[in-house]
Amino acid sequence: MTVFPVKHSKLLCQPEHLLPRSELVQLIQKLTQNLVNITDETGEFLLRLDDGRVIDTKGWAGWEWTHGIGLYGMLHYYQQTR
């Protein structure tokens, strides 16, 4: 196991939390709700490819790598807080 030194860093050695836990949980819940309910009503974020395909990069009508990143973060949050 590799142990990384942090004693030289004032930021990493802070005993205090930047936000109270309740506020942090509230922000994560808000972020999760916004991610789950995100839509592209105007089509502004549709990616039109020259081969004719149209990729929904914002809503859930299609799948793009950004969706995976959001779900990956939600999975790790769930695993840490269940």
C-alpha atoms as a PDB file:
ATOM      1  CA  MET A   1       0.000   0.000   0.000  1.00  0.00           C
ATOM      2  CA  THR A   2       1.306   3.434  -0.910  1.00  0.00           C
ATOM      3  CA  VAL A   3       1.041   6.120   1.756  1.00  0.00           C
ATOM      4  CA  PHE A   4       1.111   9.682   0.450  1.00  0.00           C
ATOM      5  CA  PRO A   5       2.510  12.460   2.647  1.00  0.00           C
ATOM      6  CA  VAL A   6       0.040  15.221   3.490  1.00  0.00           C
ATOM      7  CA  LYS A   7       1.536  16.848   6.566  1.00  0.00           C
ATOM      8  CA  HIS A   8       3.153  19.539   4.408  1.00  0.00           C
ATOM      9  CA  SER A   9      -0.237  20.679   3.055  1.00  0.00           C
ATOM     10  CA  LYS A  10      -2.331  22.989   5.229  1.00  0.00           C
ATOM     11  CA  LEU A  11      -5.384  22.243   3.080  1.00  0.00           C
ATOM     12  CA  LEU A  12      -5.114  18.467   3.436  1.00  0.00           C
ATOM     13  CA  CYS A  13      -4.454  18.665   7.186  1.00  0.00           C
ATOM     14  CA  GLN A  14      -7.506  20.775   7.990  1.00  0.00           C
ATOM     15  CA  PRO A  15      -9.496  19.196  10.811  1.00  0.00           C
ATOM     16  CA  GLU A  16     -12.554  21.256   9.868  1.00  0.00           C
ATOM     17  CA  HIS A  17     -15.056  20.535   7.143  1.00  0.00           C
ATOM     18  CA  LEU A  18     -15.840  23.274   4.651  1.00  0.00           C
ATOM     19  CA  LEU A  19     -19.591  22.585   4.848  1.00  0.00           C
ATOM     20  CA  PRO A  20     -21.746  21.073   7.544  1.00  0.00           C
ATOM     21  CA  ARG A  21     -22.705  17.495   6.625  1.00  0.00           C
ATOM     22  CA  SER A  22     -26.419  18.352   6.422  1.00  0.00           C
ATOM     23  CA  GLU A  23     -25.732  21.115   3.898  1.00  0.00           C
ATOM     24  CA  LEU A  24     -23.467  18.851   1.842  1.00  0.00           C
ATOM     25  CA  VAL A  25     -26.090  16.088   1.753  1.00  0.00           C
ATOM     26  CA  GLN A  26     -28.717  18.630   0.686  1.00  0.00           C
ATOM     27  CA  LEU A  27     -26.517  19.844  -2.187  1.00  0.00           C
ATOM     28  CA  ILE A  28     -25.803  16.287  -3.345  1.00  0.00           C
ATOM     29  CA  GLN A  29     -29.534  15.472  -3.293  1.00  0.00           C
ATOM     30  CA  LYS A  30     -30.280  18.606  -5.335  1.00  0.00           C
ATOM     31  CA  LEU A  31     -27.563  17.715  -7.845  1.00  0.00           C
ATOM     32  CA  THR A  32     -28.908  14.155  -8.120  1.00  0.00           C
ATOM     33  CA  GLN A  33     -32.482  15.375  -8.693  1.00  0.00           C
ATOM     34  CA  ASN A  34     -31.304  17.778 -11.388  1.00  0.00           C
ATOM     35  CA  LEU A  35     -29.294  15.053 -13.109  1.00  0.00           C
ATOM     36  CA  VAL A  36     -32.137  12.530 -13.048  1.00  0.00           C
ATOM     37  CA  ASN A  37     -34.708  15.056 -14.307  1.00  0.00           C
ATOM     38  CA  ILE A  38     -32.561  16.848 -16.886  1.00  0.00           C
ATOM     39  CA  THR A  39     -34.167  17.424 -20.276  1.00  0.00           C
ATOM     40  CA  ASP A  40     -33.391  19.280 -23.476  1.00  0.00           C
ATOM     41  CA  GLU A  41     -36.747  20.799 -24.398  1.00  0.00           C
ATOM     42  CA  THR A  42     -35.365  23.006 -27.196  1.00  0.00           C
ATOM     43  CA  GLY A  43     -32.950  20.568 -28.842  1.00  0.00           C
ATOM     44  CA  GLU A  44     -30.100  22.985 -28.160  1.00  0.00           C
ATOM     45  CA  PHE A  45     -27.830  20.187 -26.950  1.00  0.00           C
ATOM     46  CA  LEU A  46     -28.501  17.685 -29.732  1.00  0.00           C
ATOM     47  CA  LEU A  47     -25.305  16.659 -31.483  1.00  0.00           C
ATOM     48  CA  ARG A  48     -25.927  16.257 -35.219  1.00  0.00           C
ATOM     49  CA  LEU A  49     -23.328  14.087 -36.923  1.00  0.00           C
ATOM     50  CA  ASP A  50     -22.495  14.230 -40.621  1.00  0.00           C
ATOM     51  CA  ASP A  51     -23.621  10.601 -41.083  1.00  0.00           C
ATOM     52  CA  GLY A  52     -27.174  11.599 -40.082  1.00  0.00           C
ATOM     53  CA  ARG A  53     -27.156  10.396 -36.488  1.00  0.00           C
ATOM     54  CA  VAL A  54     -28.458  12.705 -33.776  1.00  0.00           C
ATOM     55  CA  ILE A  55     -27.117  12.215 -30.250  1.00  0.00           C
ATOM     56  CA  ASP A  56     -28.930  13.583 -27.216  1.00  0.00           C
ATOM     57  CA  THR A  57     -26.047  14.880 -25.075  1.00  0.00           C
ATOM     58  CA  LYS A  58     -28.158  16.312 -22.258  1.00  0.00           C
ATOM     59  CA  GLY A  59     -31.429  14.449 -21.748  1.00  0.00           C
ATOM     60  CA  TRP A  60     -32.054  10.751 -21.167  1.00  0.00           C
ATOM     61  CA  ALA A  61     -33.426  10.008 -24.651  1.00  0.00           C
ATOM     62  CA  GLY A  62     -29.934   8.868 -25.645  1.00  0.00           C
ATOM     63  CA  TRP A  63     -26.706   7.820 -24.026  1.00  0.00           C
ATOM     64  CA  GLU A  64     -23.460   9.762 -24.008  1.00  0.00           C
ATOM     65  CA  TRP A  65     -20.320   9.443 -21.886  1.00  0.00           C
ATOM     66  CA  THR A  66     -21.400  12.371 -19.714  1.00  0.00           C
ATOM     67  CA  HIS A  67     -24.395  10.328 -18.524  1.00  0.00           C
ATOM     68  CA  GLY A  68     -22.009   7.591 -17.417  1.00  0.00           C
ATOM     69  CA  ILE A  69     -19.903  10.016 -15.409  1.00  0.00           C
ATOM     70  CA  GLY A  70     -22.963  11.263 -13.535  1.00  0.00           C
ATOM     71  CA  LEU A  71     -24.188   7.742 -12.819  1.00  0.00           C
ATOM     72  CA  TYR A  72     -20.703   6.658 -11.720  1.00  0.00           C
ATOM     73  CA  GLY A  73     -20.623   9.488  -9.178  1.00  0.00           C
ATOM     74  CA  MET A  74     -24.110   8.625  -7.937  1.00  0.00           C
ATOM     75  CA  LEU A  75     -23.084   4.969  -7.519  1.00  0.00           C
ATOM     76  CA  HIS A  76     -20.052   5.876  -5.428  1.00  0.00           C
ATOM     77  CA  TYR A  77     -22.093   8.260  -3.279  1.00  0.00           C
ATOM     78  CA  TYR A  78     -24.651   5.495  -2.697  1.00  0.00           C
ATOM     79  CA  GLN A  79     -21.934   2.980  -1.795  1.00  0.00           C
ATOM     80  CA  GLN A  80     -20.413   5.377   0.726  1.00  0.00           C
ATOM     81  CA  THR A  81     -23.674   6.401   2.388  1.00  0.00           C
ATOM     82  CA  ARG A  82     -25.958   3.348   2.359  1.00  0.00           C
END
